[in-house]
Amino acid sequence: MILVDRDLKARAERMGIEPGHINPASVDLSLGGHIIEYRTPDPNIDMEWANELNGRSLTTEQMRDYQEQVLLHAERNEYDLEPGQAFLFRPGYFYLAHSAEEIRMPSDYAALLTLKSTTGRRGLEHLNAGWIDPDFVGQITLEFAPELPVLVRIGDRLVQLTYLECSSLPEKGYALTGRYQGQKKATPPRLT
């Protein structure tokens, strides 16, 4: 069952929902001020470590090493901006950003994160890594890959959560199983 506005209003304080951000069946989240920008490495650069990976069985440690190499070869900038300040998302870059709001997901709910339609129509693509498990607490990391230059302000509402009631309580909630519990700001990947 999807929660609608009256249900969301009744649970707003408990869930960390800003009452003014409630829609008929979703809640808007606004852009927080910490943004990590990665410039994609040139695909024509011959990286010896990359050529050896195709078709191999890799350990978790080798996978982690590969991801670290990708991030080492990517140009990286970090920004800490205040509410109202402008930021330009540029094509050819990958961005980690975060919700300004801290979400407190109850044990009996999960949520789906999606772009607001206006955000998508402006050319800002969110990679669909937006599932919020029961018991998650923290700011939501957002993964953006712009198709067009998109100018936003910190505090703009770019994404939304749709809350779903679980059929029963999970055996183990995110507080016990998740690696991003309590995250603040944009959080890079934590591989296990």
N, C-alpha and C. Protein backbone atom coordinates (compact mmCIF):
# COMPACT_ATOMS: atom_id res chain seq x y z
N MET A 1 0.84 -1.17 0.00
CA MET A 1 0.00 0.00 0.00
C MET A 1 0.90 1.25 0.00
N ILE A 2 0.59 2.19 -0.85
CA ILE A 2 1.30 3.47 -0.93
C ILE A 2 0.63 4.46 0.02
N LEU A 3 1.44 5.16 0.80
CA LEU A 3 0.90 6.17 1.70
C LEU A 3 0.53 7.43 0.91
N VAL A 4 -0.62 8.01 1.23
CA VAL A 4 -1.07 9.24 0.60
C VAL A 4 -0.93 10.40 1.58
N ASP A 5 -1.25 11.59 1.12
CA ASP A 5 -0.99 12.81 1.88
C ASP A 5 -1.47 12.77 3.32
N ARG A 6 -2.69 12.31 3.57
CA ARG A 6 -3.18 12.31 4.96
C ARG A 6 -2.37 11.36 5.85
N ASP A 7 -1.96 10.21 5.28
CA ASP A 7 -1.12 9.27 6.03
C ASP A 7 0.26 9.87 6.30
N LEU A 8 0.81 10.53 5.30
CA LEU A 8 2.14 11.13 5.42
C LEU A 8 2.13 12.27 6.44
N LYS A 9 1.09 13.08 6.43
CA LYS A 9 0.99 14.18 7.40
C LYS A 9 0.93 13.65 8.82
N ALA A 10 0.20 12.55 9.01
CA ALA A 10 0.06 11.97 10.35
C ALA A 10 1.38 11.40 10.87
N ARG A 11 2.28 11.01 9.96
CA ARG A 11 3.55 10.38 10.34
C ARG A 11 4.76 11.29 10.10
N ALA A 12 4.53 12.52 9.68
CA ALA A 12 5.61 13.41 9.23
C ALA A 12 6.73 13.57 10.24
N GLU A 13 6.42 13.91 11.48
CA GLU A 13 7.47 14.15 12.47
C GLU A 13 8.27 12.88 12.74
N ARG A 14 7.58 11.76 12.89
CA ARG A 14 8.23 10.48 13.18
C ARG A 14 9.18 10.05 12.06
N MET A 15 8.85 10.39 10.80
CA MET A 15 9.62 9.94 9.64
C MET A 15 10.61 10.98 9.14
N GLY A 16 10.68 12.15 9.73
CA GLY A 16 11.59 13.19 9.25
C GLY A 16 11.10 13.87 7.99
N ILE A 17 9.78 13.91 7.80
CA ILE A 17 9.17 14.49 6.61
C ILE A 17 8.86 15.96 6.86
N GLU A 18 9.25 16.82 5.93
CA GLU A 18 8.89 18.24 5.97
C GLU A 18 7.43 18.35 5.52
N PRO A 19 6.50 18.77 6.41
CA PRO A 19 5.08 18.80 6.03
C PRO A 19 4.79 19.59 4.75
N GLY A 20 5.53 20.65 4.50
CA GLY A 20 5.31 21.45 3.29
C GLY A 20 5.78 20.78 2.01
N HIS A 21 6.44 19.63 2.12
CA HIS A 21 6.94 18.90 0.95
C HIS A 21 6.06 17.71 0.57
N ILE A 22 4.91 17.57 1.24
CA ILE A 22 4.04 16.42 0.98
C ILE A 22 3.18 16.67 -0.25
N ASN A 23 3.19 15.70 -1.16
CA ASN A 23 2.37 15.69 -2.38
C ASN A 23 1.22 14.71 -2.17
N PRO A 24 0.34 14.51 -3.16
CA PRO A 24 -0.77 13.56 -2.98
C PRO A 24 -0.33 12.15 -2.57
N ALA A 25 0.80 11.64 -3.14
CA ALA A 25 1.25 10.28 -2.79
C ALA A 25 2.77 10.18 -2.75
N SER A 26 3.46 11.28 -2.44
CA SER A 26 4.92 11.27 -2.34
C SER A 26 5.37 12.45 -1.50
N VAL A 27 6.66 12.48 -1.21
CA VAL A 27 7.27 13.57 -0.43
C VAL A 27 8.50 14.07 -1.20
N ASP A 28 8.56 15.37 -1.43
CA ASP A 28 9.72 15.96 -2.09
C ASP A 28 10.90 16.02 -1.15
N LEU A 29 12.10 15.78 -1.69
CA LEU A 29 13.35 15.99 -0.96
C LEU A 29 14.14 17.06 -1.68
N SER A 30 14.84 17.87 -0.90
CA SER A 30 15.61 18.96 -1.48
C SER A 30 17.10 18.65 -1.50
N LEU A 31 17.81 19.35 -2.38
CA LEU A 31 19.23 19.13 -2.59
C LEU A 31 20.04 19.72 -1.44
N GLY A 32 20.88 18.89 -0.83
CA GLY A 32 21.81 19.35 0.20
C GLY A 32 23.04 19.98 -0.43
N GLY A 33 23.90 20.58 0.38
CA GLY A 33 24.99 21.39 -0.11
C GLY A 33 26.32 20.71 -0.38
N HIS A 34 26.47 19.42 -0.08
CA HIS A 34 27.74 18.74 -0.34
C HIS A 34 27.60 17.94 -1.63
N ILE A 35 28.43 18.27 -2.62
CA ILE A 35 28.35 17.60 -3.93
C ILE A 35 29.76 17.16 -4.32
N ILE A 36 29.86 15.90 -4.76
CA ILE A 36 31.12 15.36 -5.28
C ILE A 36 30.95 15.21 -6.79
N GLU A 37 31.88 15.78 -7.54
CA GLU A 37 31.84 15.77 -9.00
C GLU A 37 32.99 14.91 -9.53
N TYR A 38 32.67 13.93 -10.36
CA TYR A 38 33.68 13.10 -11.00
C TYR A 38 33.64 13.35 -12.50
N ARG A 39 34.79 13.59 -13.08
CA ARG A 39 34.90 13.67 -14.54
C ARG A 39 35.24 12.28 -15.01
N THR A 40 34.45 11.74 -15.90
CA THR A 40 34.66 10.39 -16.39
C THR A 40 36.01 10.28 -17.09
N PRO A 41 36.81 9.24 -16.75
CA PRO A 41 38.10 9.08 -17.44
C PRO A 41 37.88 8.89 -18.95
N ASP A 42 38.82 9.33 -19.72
CA ASP A 42 38.75 9.17 -21.18
C ASP A 42 38.76 7.67 -21.50
N PRO A 43 37.71 7.17 -22.18
CA PRO A 43 37.65 5.72 -22.46
C PRO A 43 38.75 5.26 -23.40
N ASN A 44 39.42 6.17 -24.09
CA ASN A 44 40.50 5.80 -25.02
C ASN A 44 41.84 5.63 -24.33
N ILE A 45 41.92 6.03 -23.05
CA ILE A 45 43.17 5.85 -22.32
C ILE A 45 43.35 4.36 -22.02
N ASP A 46 44.51 3.82 -22.37
CA ASP A 46 44.78 2.40 -22.12
C ASP A 46 45.24 2.24 -20.67
N MET A 47 44.40 1.61 -19.86
CA MET A 47 44.74 1.35 -18.48
C MET A 47 45.02 -0.14 -18.34
N GLU A 48 46.26 -0.49 -18.09
CA GLU A 48 46.65 -1.89 -18.02
C GLU A 48 45.77 -2.69 -17.08
N TRP A 49 45.47 -2.11 -15.93
CA TRP A 49 44.66 -2.82 -14.94
C TRP A 49 43.27 -3.13 -15.46
N ALA A 50 42.73 -2.30 -16.36
CA ALA A 50 41.39 -2.53 -16.88
C ALA A 50 41.37 -3.65 -17.91
N ASN A 51 42.41 -3.74 -18.74
CA ASN A 51 42.44 -4.74 -19.80
C ASN A 51 42.51 -6.17 -19.27
N GLU A 52 42.98 -6.34 -18.06
CA GLU A 52 43.16 -7.67 -17.49
C GLU A 52 41.90 -8.21 -16.80
N LEU A 53 40.85 -7.44 -16.71
CA LEU A 53 39.70 -7.82 -15.91
C LEU A 53 38.64 -8.63 -16.65
N ASN A 54 38.46 -8.38 -17.92
CA ASN A 54 37.37 -9.02 -18.66
C ASN A 54 37.47 -10.53 -18.61
N GLY A 55 36.37 -11.17 -18.25
CA GLY A 55 36.29 -12.62 -18.24
C GLY A 55 36.90 -13.29 -17.02
N ARG A 56 37.38 -12.54 -16.07
CA ARG A 56 38.02 -13.13 -14.88
C ARG A 56 37.05 -13.21 -13.72
N SER A 57 37.26 -14.21 -12.88
CA SER A 57 36.56 -14.28 -11.60
C SER A 57 37.38 -13.47 -10.61
N LEU A 58 36.74 -12.51 -9.95
CA LEU A 58 37.46 -11.61 -9.06
C LEU A 58 36.97 -11.74 -7.63
N THR A 59 37.89 -11.59 -6.70
CA THR A 59 37.52 -11.59 -5.29
C THR A 59 36.94 -10.22 -4.94
N THR A 60 36.32 -10.13 -3.79
CA THR A 60 35.78 -8.86 -3.32
C THR A 60 36.90 -7.83 -3.20
N GLU A 61 38.06 -8.25 -2.73
CA GLU A 61 39.20 -7.33 -2.60
C GLU A 61 39.64 -6.81 -3.97
N GLN A 62 39.67 -7.68 -4.97
CA GLN A 62 40.03 -7.25 -6.32
C GLN A 62 38.99 -6.28 -6.88
N MET A 63 37.72 -6.53 -6.60
CA MET A 63 36.66 -5.62 -7.04
C MET A 63 36.83 -4.25 -6.39
N ARG A 64 37.14 -4.24 -5.11
CA ARG A 64 37.36 -2.98 -4.39
C ARG A 64 38.56 -2.24 -4.98
N ASP A 65 39.65 -2.99 -5.27
CA ASP A 65 40.84 -2.38 -5.87
C ASP A 65 40.51 -1.76 -7.23
N TYR A 66 39.71 -2.46 -8.02
CA TYR A 66 39.31 -1.93 -9.33
C TYR A 66 38.55 -0.61 -9.15
N GLN A 67 37.57 -0.59 -8.24
CA GLN A 67 36.78 0.62 -8.04
C GLN A 67 37.67 1.77 -7.57
N GLU A 68 38.64 1.47 -6.72
CA GLU A 68 39.58 2.51 -6.27
C GLU A 68 40.39 3.05 -7.43
N GLN A 69 40.79 2.17 -8.37
CA GLN A 69 41.55 2.61 -9.55
C GLN A 69 40.70 3.53 -10.43
N VAL A 70 39.43 3.18 -10.61
CA VAL A 70 38.53 4.03 -11.40
C VAL A 70 38.46 5.42 -10.77
N LEU A 71 38.25 5.46 -9.45
CA LEU A 71 38.14 6.75 -8.78
C LEU A 71 39.46 7.51 -8.80
N LEU A 72 40.60 6.81 -8.76
CA LEU A 72 41.90 7.47 -8.84
C LEU A 72 42.12 8.13 -10.20
N HIS A 73 41.60 7.50 -11.27
CA HIS A 73 41.79 8.03 -12.62
C HIS A 73 40.73 9.07 -13.00
N ALA A 74 39.72 9.23 -12.19
CA ALA A 74 38.69 10.22 -12.47
C ALA A 74 39.06 11.53 -11.78
N GLU A 75 38.89 12.62 -12.50
CA GLU A 75 39.08 13.94 -11.91
C GLU A 75 37.96 14.14 -10.89
N ARG A 76 38.31 14.65 -9.69
CA ARG A 76 37.31 14.77 -8.62
C ARG A 76 37.36 16.16 -8.00
N ASN A 77 36.19 16.75 -7.84
CA ASN A 77 36.04 18.02 -7.14
C ASN A 77 34.94 17.86 -6.10
N GLU A 78 35.10 18.52 -4.96
CA GLU A 78 34.05 18.53 -3.93
C GLU A 78 33.62 19.95 -3.67
N TYR A 79 32.33 20.12 -3.45
CA TYR A 79 31.75 21.44 -3.20
C TYR A 79 30.94 21.38 -1.91
N ASP A 80 31.07 22.40 -1.09
CA ASP A 80 30.23 22.58 0.09
C ASP A 80 29.55 23.93 -0.06
N LEU A 81 28.28 23.90 -0.37
CA LEU A 81 27.52 25.10 -0.70
C LEU A 81 26.42 25.34 0.32
N GLU A 82 26.00 26.58 0.43
CA GLU A 82 24.95 26.99 1.35
C GLU A 82 23.59 27.01 0.64
N PRO A 83 22.50 26.87 1.41
CA PRO A 83 21.16 26.97 0.79
C PRO A 83 21.03 28.25 -0.04
N GLY A 84 20.45 28.08 -1.22
CA GLY A 84 20.24 29.20 -2.12
C GLY A 84 21.36 29.41 -3.12
N GLN A 85 22.56 28.86 -2.86
CA GLN A 85 23.65 29.01 -3.81
C GLN A 85 23.42 28.13 -5.03
N ALA A 86 23.89 28.60 -6.18
CA ALA A 86 23.68 27.89 -7.44
C ALA A 86 24.75 26.83 -7.66
N PHE A 87 24.36 25.78 -8.41
CA PHE A 87 25.30 24.74 -8.83
C PHE A 87 24.90 24.28 -10.22
N LEU A 88 25.90 24.11 -11.10
CA LEU A 88 25.65 23.65 -12.46
C LEU A 88 26.08 22.19 -12.61
N PHE A 89 25.10 21.31 -12.86
CA PHE A 89 25.39 19.91 -13.21
C PHE A 89 25.71 19.89 -14.70
N ARG A 90 26.89 19.31 -15.07
CA ARG A 90 27.35 19.35 -16.45
C ARG A 90 27.38 17.95 -17.07
N PRO A 91 26.98 17.85 -18.34
CA PRO A 91 27.09 16.56 -19.03
C PRO A 91 28.55 16.10 -19.07
N GLY A 92 28.75 14.78 -19.06
CA GLY A 92 30.09 14.23 -19.08
C GLY A 92 30.69 14.06 -17.70
N TYR A 93 29.93 14.42 -16.69
CA TYR A 93 30.36 14.29 -15.30
C TYR A 93 29.37 13.39 -14.57
N PHE A 94 29.84 12.79 -13.50
CA PHE A 94 28.99 11.99 -12.61
C PHE A 94 29.02 12.68 -11.25
N TYR A 95 27.87 12.78 -10.61
CA TYR A 95 27.76 13.52 -9.36
C TYR A 95 27.16 12.67 -8.25
N LEU A 96 27.74 12.80 -7.06
CA LEU A 96 27.10 12.31 -5.85
C LEU A 96 26.68 13.55 -5.07
N ALA A 97 25.41 13.58 -4.72
CA ALA A 97 24.86 14.68 -3.94
C ALA A 97 24.07 14.05 -2.79
N HIS A 98 23.28 14.82 -2.08
CA HIS A 98 22.50 14.24 -0.98
C HIS A 98 21.26 15.07 -0.72
N SER A 99 20.32 14.44 -0.03
CA SER A 99 19.12 15.15 0.41
C SER A 99 19.49 16.04 1.59
N ALA A 100 18.88 17.20 1.65
CA ALA A 100 19.08 18.07 2.80
C ALA A 100 18.42 17.46 4.04
N GLU A 101 17.35 16.72 3.81
CA GLU A 101 16.58 16.12 4.90
C GLU A 101 17.22 14.83 5.39
N GLU A 102 17.13 14.59 6.69
CA GLU A 102 17.50 13.30 7.26
C GLU A 102 16.22 12.46 7.35
N ILE A 103 16.25 11.30 6.73
CA ILE A 103 15.10 10.41 6.69
C ILE A 103 15.18 9.43 7.85
N ARG A 104 14.04 9.17 8.47
CA ARG A 104 13.94 8.17 9.54
C ARG A 104 12.84 7.18 9.11
N MET A 105 13.28 6.08 8.51
CA MET A 105 12.33 5.11 7.99
C MET A 105 11.89 4.16 9.10
N PRO A 106 10.60 4.11 9.41
CA PRO A 106 10.12 3.17 10.42
C PRO A 106 10.32 1.72 10.00
N SER A 107 10.23 0.81 10.95
CA SER A 107 10.45 -0.62 10.70
C SER A 107 9.41 -1.23 9.77
N ASP A 108 8.24 -0.61 9.66
CA ASP A 108 7.16 -1.19 8.87
C ASP A 108 6.94 -0.48 7.53
N TYR A 109 7.94 0.32 7.09
CA TYR A 109 7.83 1.03 5.82
C TYR A 109 9.14 0.94 5.04
N ALA A 110 9.01 1.03 3.71
CA ALA A 110 10.14 1.19 2.80
C ALA A 110 9.75 2.35 1.88
N ALA A 111 10.70 2.83 1.08
CA ALA A 111 10.39 3.93 0.17
C ALA A 111 11.17 3.78 -1.13
N LEU A 112 10.59 4.31 -2.18
CA LEU A 112 11.20 4.33 -3.50
C LEU A 112 11.54 5.77 -3.84
N LEU A 113 12.79 6.03 -4.23
CA LEU A 113 13.25 7.36 -4.59
C LEU A 113 13.20 7.51 -6.11
N THR A 114 12.56 8.57 -6.58
CA THR A 114 12.50 8.87 -8.01
C THR A 114 12.72 10.37 -8.22
N LEU A 115 13.05 10.73 -9.45
CA LEU A 115 13.15 12.14 -9.80
C LEU A 115 11.78 12.77 -9.83
N LYS A 116 11.72 14.05 -9.51
CA LYS A 116 10.51 14.80 -9.82
C LYS A 116 10.48 14.94 -11.34
N SER A 117 9.31 14.92 -11.94
CA SER A 117 9.22 14.94 -13.40
C SER A 117 9.86 16.20 -14.00
N THR A 118 9.73 17.32 -13.34
CA THR A 118 10.34 18.55 -13.85
C THR A 118 11.87 18.43 -13.89
N THR A 119 12.45 17.77 -12.90
CA THR A 119 13.90 17.57 -12.87
C THR A 119 14.35 16.75 -14.08
N GLY A 120 13.65 15.65 -14.35
CA GLY A 120 13.98 14.82 -15.51
C GLY A 120 13.79 15.56 -16.81
N ARG A 121 12.77 16.37 -16.91
CA ARG A 121 12.50 17.11 -18.15
C ARG A 121 13.54 18.18 -18.41
N ARG A 122 14.27 18.57 -17.37
CA ARG A 122 15.35 19.56 -17.53
C ARG A 122 16.64 18.89 -18.00
N GLY A 123 16.71 17.54 -17.98
CA GLY A 123 17.88 16.83 -18.46
C GLY A 123 18.80 16.29 -17.38
N LEU A 124 18.32 16.33 -16.12
CA LEU A 124 19.13 15.78 -15.03
C LEU A 124 18.64 14.37 -14.74
N GLU A 125 19.47 13.39 -15.04
CA GLU A 125 19.13 11.97 -14.86
C GLU A 125 19.60 11.50 -13.49
N HIS A 126 18.73 10.80 -12.77
CA HIS A 126 19.13 10.16 -11.51
C HIS A 126 19.25 8.67 -11.78
N LEU A 127 20.38 8.09 -11.39
CA LEU A 127 20.56 6.65 -11.56
C LEU A 127 19.69 5.96 -10.52
N ASN A 128 18.90 5.04 -10.95
CA ASN A 128 17.88 4.45 -10.07
C ASN A 128 18.46 3.54 -9.00
N ALA A 129 19.19 4.14 -8.09
CA ALA A 129 19.72 3.42 -6.94
C ALA A 129 18.95 3.87 -5.70
N GLY A 130 17.66 4.07 -5.87
CA GLY A 130 16.88 4.73 -4.84
C GLY A 130 15.89 3.86 -4.11
N TRP A 131 16.37 2.91 -3.37
CA TRP A 131 15.49 2.10 -2.53
C TRP A 131 15.88 2.35 -1.08
N ILE A 132 14.89 2.67 -0.24
CA ILE A 132 15.15 2.96 1.16
C ILE A 132 14.50 1.84 1.99
N ASP A 133 15.32 1.05 2.66
CA ASP A 133 14.83 -0.08 3.44
C ASP A 133 14.28 0.33 4.80
N PRO A 134 13.44 -0.54 5.40
CA PRO A 134 12.96 -0.28 6.75
C PRO A 134 14.12 -0.07 7.72
N ASP A 135 13.97 0.87 8.63
CA ASP A 135 14.94 1.21 9.70
C ASP A 135 16.11 2.06 9.23
N PHE A 136 16.15 2.48 7.95
CA PHE A 136 17.22 3.37 7.52
C PHE A 136 17.05 4.73 8.19
N VAL A 137 18.18 5.29 8.63
CA VAL A 137 18.22 6.65 9.15
C VAL A 137 19.41 7.35 8.51
N GLY A 138 19.20 8.54 7.96
CA GLY A 138 20.30 9.31 7.39
C GLY A 138 19.84 10.15 6.23
N GLN A 139 20.79 10.90 5.67
CA GLN A 139 20.52 11.63 4.45
C GLN A 139 20.66 10.67 3.27
N ILE A 140 19.91 10.91 2.23
CA ILE A 140 19.91 10.03 1.07
C ILE A 140 20.98 10.52 0.08
N THR A 141 21.88 9.63 -0.34
CA THR A 141 22.84 9.98 -1.38
C THR A 141 22.15 9.87 -2.73
N LEU A 142 22.35 10.88 -3.56
CA LEU A 142 21.75 10.96 -4.89
C LEU A 142 22.84 10.81 -5.94
N GLU A 143 22.58 10.05 -6.99
CA GLU A 143 23.55 9.79 -8.04
C GLU A 143 23.03 10.40 -9.34
N PHE A 144 23.67 11.46 -9.81
CA PHE A 144 23.20 12.17 -10.99
C PHE A 144 24.16 12.04 -12.16
N ALA A 145 23.60 11.86 -13.36
CA ALA A 145 24.35 11.85 -14.62
C ALA A 145 23.59 12.75 -15.59
N PRO A 146 23.94 14.04 -15.66
CA PRO A 146 23.17 14.98 -16.48
C PRO A 146 23.33 14.73 -17.98
N GLU A 147 22.23 14.88 -18.69
CA GLU A 147 22.23 14.80 -20.15
C GLU A 147 22.40 16.18 -20.77
N LEU A 148 21.99 17.22 -20.03
CA LEU A 148 22.11 18.61 -20.45
C LEU A 148 22.69 19.40 -19.28
N PRO A 149 23.22 20.60 -19.51
CA PRO A 149 23.60 21.42 -18.37
C PRO A 149 22.34 21.80 -17.58
N VAL A 150 22.37 21.59 -16.28
CA VAL A 150 21.20 21.88 -15.45
C VAL A 150 21.66 22.72 -14.26
N LEU A 151 21.13 23.94 -14.18
CA LEU A 151 21.47 24.85 -13.11
C LEU A 151 20.41 24.73 -12.02
N VAL A 152 20.85 24.48 -10.79
CA VAL A 152 19.94 24.33 -9.65
C VAL A 152 20.44 25.21 -8.50
N ARG A 153 19.61 25.33 -7.49
CA ARG A 153 20.03 25.98 -6.25
C ARG A 153 20.02 24.93 -5.14
N ILE A 154 20.93 25.07 -4.20
CA ILE A 154 20.91 24.20 -3.03
C ILE A 154 19.60 24.48 -2.30
N GLY A 155 18.88 23.42 -2.00
CA GLY A 155 17.56 23.55 -1.39
C GLY A 155 16.43 23.31 -2.38
N ASP A 156 16.73 23.26 -3.70
CA ASP A 156 15.69 22.95 -4.68
C ASP A 156 15.20 21.53 -4.48
N ARG A 157 13.92 21.32 -4.72
CA ARG A 157 13.32 19.98 -4.64
C ARG A 157 13.54 19.28 -5.98
N LEU A 158 14.38 18.24 -5.98
CA LEU A 158 14.74 17.55 -7.21
C LEU A 158 14.21 16.12 -7.27
N VAL A 159 14.02 15.48 -6.13
CA VAL A 159 13.61 14.07 -6.07
C VAL A 159 12.43 13.92 -5.13
N GLN A 160 11.84 12.73 -5.14
CA GLN A 160 10.70 12.47 -4.26
C GLN A 160 10.73 11.02 -3.77
N LEU A 161 10.15 10.82 -2.59
CA LEU A 161 10.02 9.48 -2.01
C LEU A 161 8.56 9.06 -2.06
N THR A 162 8.34 7.82 -2.44
CA THR A 162 7.03 7.20 -2.34
C THR A 162 7.14 6.14 -1.24
N TYR A 163 6.31 6.27 -0.22
CA TYR A 163 6.38 5.38 0.95
C TYR A 163 5.44 4.20 0.75
N LEU A 164 5.95 3.01 1.08
CA LEU A 164 5.20 1.77 0.93
C LEU A 164 5.13 1.07 2.28
N GLU A 165 3.95 0.62 2.64
CA GLU A 165 3.80 -0.12 3.90
C GLU A 165 4.17 -1.57 3.67
N CYS A 166 5.00 -2.13 4.56
CA CYS A 166 5.44 -3.53 4.44
C CYS A 166 4.32 -4.46 4.92
N SER A 167 4.27 -5.66 4.38
CA SER A 167 3.25 -6.64 4.77
C SER A 167 3.46 -7.13 6.20
N SER A 168 4.69 -7.10 6.65
CA SER A 168 5.02 -7.45 8.04
C SER A 168 6.39 -6.84 8.34
N LEU A 169 6.84 -6.96 9.56
CA LEU A 169 8.15 -6.42 9.92
C LEU A 169 9.25 -7.33 9.38
N PRO A 170 10.34 -6.77 8.85
CA PRO A 170 11.43 -7.61 8.37
C PRO A 170 12.13 -8.31 9.54
N GLU A 171 12.75 -9.45 9.27
CA GLU A 171 13.52 -10.13 10.31
C GLU A 171 14.68 -9.27 10.77
N LYS A 172 15.35 -8.60 9.82
CA LYS A 172 16.47 -7.71 10.14
C LYS A 172 16.29 -6.44 9.31
N GLY A 173 16.16 -5.30 9.98
CA GLY A 173 16.03 -4.04 9.29
C GLY A 173 17.38 -3.50 8.86
N TYR A 174 17.35 -2.37 8.19
CA TYR A 174 18.57 -1.76 7.66
C TYR A 174 19.55 -1.37 8.76
N ALA A 175 19.06 -1.07 9.94
CA ALA A 175 19.95 -0.72 11.05
C ALA A 175 20.94 -1.86 11.34
N LEU A 176 20.55 -3.10 11.04
CA LEU A 176 21.42 -4.26 11.27
C LEU A 176 22.17 -4.70 10.02
N THR A 177 21.64 -4.40 8.83
CA THR A 177 22.21 -4.95 7.61
C THR A 177 22.86 -3.93 6.68
N GLY A 178 22.59 -2.65 6.86
CA GLY A 178 23.00 -1.64 5.89
C GLY A 178 24.37 -1.05 6.14
N ARG A 179 25.05 -0.68 5.07
CA ARG A 179 26.38 -0.08 5.20
C ARG A 179 26.36 1.44 5.13
N TYR A 180 25.19 2.04 4.93
CA TYR A 180 25.11 3.49 4.85
C TYR A 180 24.24 4.08 5.97
N GLN A 181 23.98 3.31 6.98
CA GLN A 181 23.16 3.79 8.10
C GLN A 181 23.80 5.02 8.74
N GLY A 182 23.01 6.06 8.95
CA GLY A 182 23.48 7.27 9.59
C GLY A 182 24.30 8.19 8.70
N GLN A 183 24.33 7.93 7.38
CA GLN A 183 25.17 8.74 6.51
C GLN A 183 24.75 10.21 6.49
N LYS A 184 25.75 11.05 6.38
CA LYS A 184 25.58 12.50 6.24
C LYS A 184 26.31 12.90 4.97
N LYS A 185 25.79 13.85 4.27
CA LYS A 185 26.40 14.38 3.05
C LYS A 185 26.43 13.32 1.94
N ALA A 186 27.05 13.66 0.81
CA ALA A 186 27.21 12.73 -0.29
C ALA A 186 28.22 11.67 0.12
N THR A 187 27.85 10.40 -0.03
CA THR A 187 28.68 9.30 0.48
C THR A 187 29.16 8.43 -0.68
N PRO A 188 30.48 8.35 -0.92
CA PRO A 188 31.01 7.47 -1.97
C PRO A 188 30.70 6.00 -1.66
N PRO A 189 30.88 5.11 -2.65
CA PRO A 189 30.54 3.70 -2.43
C PRO A 189 31.40 3.04 -1.35
N ARG A 190 30.76 2.18 -0.60
CA ARG A 190 31.43 1.35 0.40
C ARG A 190 31.26 -0.09 -0.03
N LEU A 191 32.27 -0.63 -0.68
CA LEU A 191 32.18 -2.00 -1.17
C LEU A 191 32.52 -2.97 -0.05
N THR A 192 31.81 -4.10 -0.02
CA THR A 192 32.10 -5.11 1.00
C THR A 192 32.89 -6.24 0.41
